Amino acid sequence: MRAREVARLFPEILGQTHAEGTPFAALVETMAFLLEPADRRITGLDAYFDPYRAPDAMVPYLAAWVDLGWLPVRAEAGGEGLAMDRLRALVVEAPRLAAGRGTSRGLQRFLEVALDEVTIGVVDDDPARPFHLVVELPKRVESQRRLAELIVQSEKPVHLTHEVRIA
């Protein structure tokens, strides 16, 4: 806040005495100086709630708000877990994922967003094996198989058995 904006917060009679060198002017300048860091932070507050603009440390917190806090986040490039950009995409997609939860299409969409892959097959209608779910991952995401296993285990209906295969 600028000193002029702080002065407007006081009764009008005090604002009339806001001249250079007065004790009131010094008080207003001091208040403006002390409020400046908080004002700067509040000005950019909306960025903390936008998954694509939030600082990396805030994204897992946002994920917890939409029931995705159980997902592991990759600490370094090449490690296991979700990359930060994939977690951001999942947080944005969370309402649609929640609407499709418990369906093969919902699980497929979750895996597509999490693994950044569009050719994931989910088969749940094999008459030879009722109540069994098969997820087929393309070869290029084989390194993320453990993450896919975790997602399938957490997102499939509880009464189904499952297997994750590399196609």
Protein backbone atom coordinates (compact mmCIF):
# COMPACT_ATOMS: atom_id res chain seq x y z
CA MET A 1 0.00 0.00 0.00
CA ARG A 2 1.13 3.50 -0.69
CA ALA A 3 1.13 6.16 2.01
CA ARG A 4 -1.76 7.96 0.29
CA GLU A 5 -3.87 4.75 0.42
CA VAL A 6 -3.04 4.23 4.11
CA ALA A 7 -3.98 7.82 4.93
CA ARG A 8 -7.45 7.26 3.43
CA LEU A 9 -8.08 4.55 6.04
CA PHE A 10 -7.99 7.13 8.83
CA PRO A 11 -10.83 9.53 9.65
CA GLU A 12 -11.04 12.41 7.20
CA ILE A 13 -10.00 15.01 9.78
CA LEU A 14 -6.64 13.28 10.22
CA GLY A 15 -6.19 12.98 6.47
CA GLN A 16 -6.36 16.78 6.22
CA THR A 17 -3.31 17.06 8.45
CA HIS A 18 -1.23 14.77 6.26
CA ALA A 19 1.54 17.19 5.44
CA GLU A 20 5.24 16.44 4.99
CA GLY A 21 7.20 16.38 8.22
CA THR A 22 4.22 15.94 10.57
CA PRO A 23 4.03 13.07 13.06
CA PHE A 24 0.92 11.80 11.26
CA ALA A 25 2.82 11.70 7.94
CA ALA A 26 5.63 9.73 9.61
CA LEU A 27 3.08 7.30 11.07
CA VAL A 28 1.43 6.81 7.67
CA GLU A 29 4.81 6.27 5.96
CA THR A 30 5.80 3.72 8.60
CA MET A 31 2.50 1.86 8.25
CA ALA A 32 2.85 1.80 4.45
CA PHE A 33 6.39 0.43 4.80
CA LEU A 34 5.27 -2.31 7.23
CA LEU A 35 2.24 -3.29 5.11
CA GLU A 36 4.17 -3.47 1.83
CA PRO A 37 5.40 -7.12 2.11
CA ALA A 38 1.93 -8.40 3.02
CA ASP A 39 0.35 -6.31 0.28
CA ARG A 40 2.81 -7.71 -2.27
CA ARG A 41 1.98 -11.28 -1.21
CA ILE A 42 -1.79 -10.69 -1.26
CA THR A 43 -1.59 -9.13 -4.71
CA GLY A 44 -0.32 -12.43 -6.13
CA LEU A 45 -2.44 -14.67 -3.90
CA ASP A 46 -4.55 -16.04 -6.75
CA ALA A 47 -1.46 -17.69 -8.23
CA TYR A 48 -1.23 -19.98 -5.19
CA PHE A 49 -4.60 -21.54 -6.06
CA ASP A 50 -3.99 -22.01 -9.78
CA PRO A 51 -2.19 -25.35 -10.22
CA TYR A 52 -0.29 -24.11 -13.28
CA ARG A 53 1.00 -20.92 -11.60
CA ALA A 54 1.43 -22.12 -8.01
CA PRO A 55 4.94 -22.64 -6.65
CA ASP A 56 6.07 -26.29 -6.72
CA ALA A 57 5.80 -26.56 -2.92
CA MET A 58 2.10 -25.58 -3.07
CA VAL A 59 1.00 -28.14 -5.70
CA PRO A 60 1.00 -31.22 -3.38
CA TYR A 61 -1.10 -29.17 -0.95
CA LEU A 62 -3.59 -28.39 -3.72
CA ALA A 63 -3.57 -32.08 -4.68
CA ALA A 64 -4.54 -33.00 -1.13
CA TRP A 65 -7.55 -30.66 -1.39
CA VAL A 66 -8.91 -32.71 -4.30
CA ASP A 67 -8.09 -36.12 -2.75
CA LEU A 68 -4.90 -36.67 -4.74
CA GLY A 69 -2.51 -36.28 -1.83
CA TRP A 70 -1.72 -40.01 -1.90
CA LEU A 71 0.17 -39.72 -5.19
CA PRO A 72 3.97 -39.83 -4.90
CA VAL A 73 5.76 -36.84 -6.40
CA ARG A 74 9.06 -37.30 -8.20
CA ALA A 75 11.89 -35.68 -6.27
CA GLU A 76 14.35 -35.47 -9.20
CA ALA A 77 14.27 -36.03 -12.94
CA GLY A 78 14.25 -39.70 -13.80
CA GLY A 79 13.07 -40.77 -10.34
CA GLU A 80 9.91 -42.64 -9.48
CA GLY A 81 6.58 -40.93 -8.95
CA LEU A 82 4.71 -38.20 -10.73
CA ALA A 83 6.49 -35.33 -12.40
CA MET A 84 5.31 -31.95 -11.13
CA ASP A 85 3.67 -31.05 -14.46
CA ARG A 86 1.62 -34.27 -14.33
CA LEU A 87 0.49 -33.53 -10.77
CA ARG A 88 -0.56 -30.06 -11.87
CA ALA A 89 -2.57 -31.57 -14.75
CA LEU A 90 -4.24 -34.07 -12.39
CA VAL A 91 -5.28 -31.29 -9.99
CA VAL A 92 -6.86 -29.38 -12.88
CA GLU A 93 -8.57 -32.54 -14.12
CA ALA A 94 -9.70 -33.63 -10.62
CA PRO A 95 -13.42 -32.74 -10.95
CA ARG A 96 -13.78 -34.79 -14.14
CA LEU A 97 -11.73 -37.64 -12.66
CA ALA A 98 -13.95 -37.72 -9.58
CA ALA A 99 -17.06 -37.89 -11.76
CA GLY A 100 -15.69 -40.95 -13.58
CA ARG A 101 -14.28 -42.70 -10.54
CA GLY A 102 -15.04 -46.42 -10.41
CA THR A 103 -15.50 -46.75 -14.17
CA SER A 104 -13.07 -48.17 -16.70
CA ARG A 105 -13.24 -44.89 -18.66
CA GLY A 106 -12.47 -42.90 -15.49
CA LEU A 107 -9.48 -45.10 -14.69
CA GLN A 108 -8.26 -44.84 -18.26
CA ARG A 109 -8.49 -41.04 -18.16
CA PHE A 110 -6.66 -40.91 -14.83
CA LEU A 111 -3.81 -43.00 -16.23
CA GLU A 112 -3.69 -40.96 -19.44
CA VAL A 113 -3.28 -37.71 -17.51
CA ALA A 114 -0.88 -39.13 -14.91
CA LEU A 115 1.39 -40.86 -17.43
CA ASP A 116 0.98 -38.24 -20.20
CA GLU A 117 0.00 -40.99 -22.59
CA VAL A 118 -3.08 -41.42 -24.78
CA THR A 119 -2.84 -45.11 -25.74
CA ILE A 120 -3.68 -46.84 -22.48
CA GLY A 121 -6.11 -49.72 -22.71
CA VAL A 122 -8.42 -50.74 -19.88
CA VAL A 123 -10.34 -53.99 -20.35
CA ASP A 124 -12.97 -54.98 -17.81
CA ASP A 125 -15.42 -57.10 -19.80
CA ASP A 126 -13.66 -60.42 -20.31
CA PRO A 127 -16.35 -63.11 -19.89
CA ALA A 128 -13.68 -65.71 -19.06
CA ARG A 129 -12.54 -63.66 -16.05
CA PRO A 130 -15.40 -61.70 -14.50
CA PHE A 131 -14.47 -59.07 -11.94
CA HIS A 132 -10.95 -58.79 -13.36
CA LEU A 133 -9.45 -55.63 -14.81
CA VAL A 134 -6.56 -55.58 -17.28
CA VAL A 135 -4.61 -52.37 -17.93
CA GLU A 136 -2.33 -52.34 -20.96
CA LEU A 137 0.46 -49.78 -20.95
CA PRO A 138 2.52 -48.92 -24.02
CA LYS A 139 6.21 -49.88 -23.94
CA ARG A 140 7.37 -46.24 -23.68
CA VAL A 141 5.86 -45.83 -20.19
CA GLU A 142 7.27 -49.09 -18.83
CA SER A 143 9.48 -47.13 -16.44
CA GLN A 144 6.32 -45.83 -14.76
CA ARG A 145 4.74 -49.22 -14.24
CA ARG A 146 4.90 -49.02 -10.42
CA LEU A 147 3.13 -45.67 -10.51
CA ALA A 148 0.48 -47.15 -12.81
CA GLU A 149 0.06 -50.10 -10.41
CA LEU A 150 -0.47 -47.71 -7.51
CA ILE A 151 -3.03 -45.69 -9.46
CA VAL A 152 -4.95 -48.77 -10.59
CA GLN A 153 -4.94 -50.20 -7.07
CA SER A 154 -6.28 -46.93 -5.63
CA GLU A 155 -8.79 -46.01 -8.33
CA LYS A 156 -10.36 -49.31 -9.42
CA PRO A 157 -13.52 -50.61 -7.76
CA VAL A 158 -12.52 -52.57 -4.68
CA HIS A 159 -14.23 -55.80 -5.74
CA LEU A 160 -12.10 -56.17 -8.89
CA THR A 161 -8.78 -57.93 -9.22
CA HIS A 162 -6.34 -56.37 -11.65
CA GLU A 163 -3.15 -56.74 -13.62
CA VAL A 164 -1.00 -54.18 -15.39
CA ARG A 165 0.64 -55.37 -18.60
CA ILE A 166 3.06 -53.81 -21.03
CA ALA A 167 1.56 -54.03 -24.54
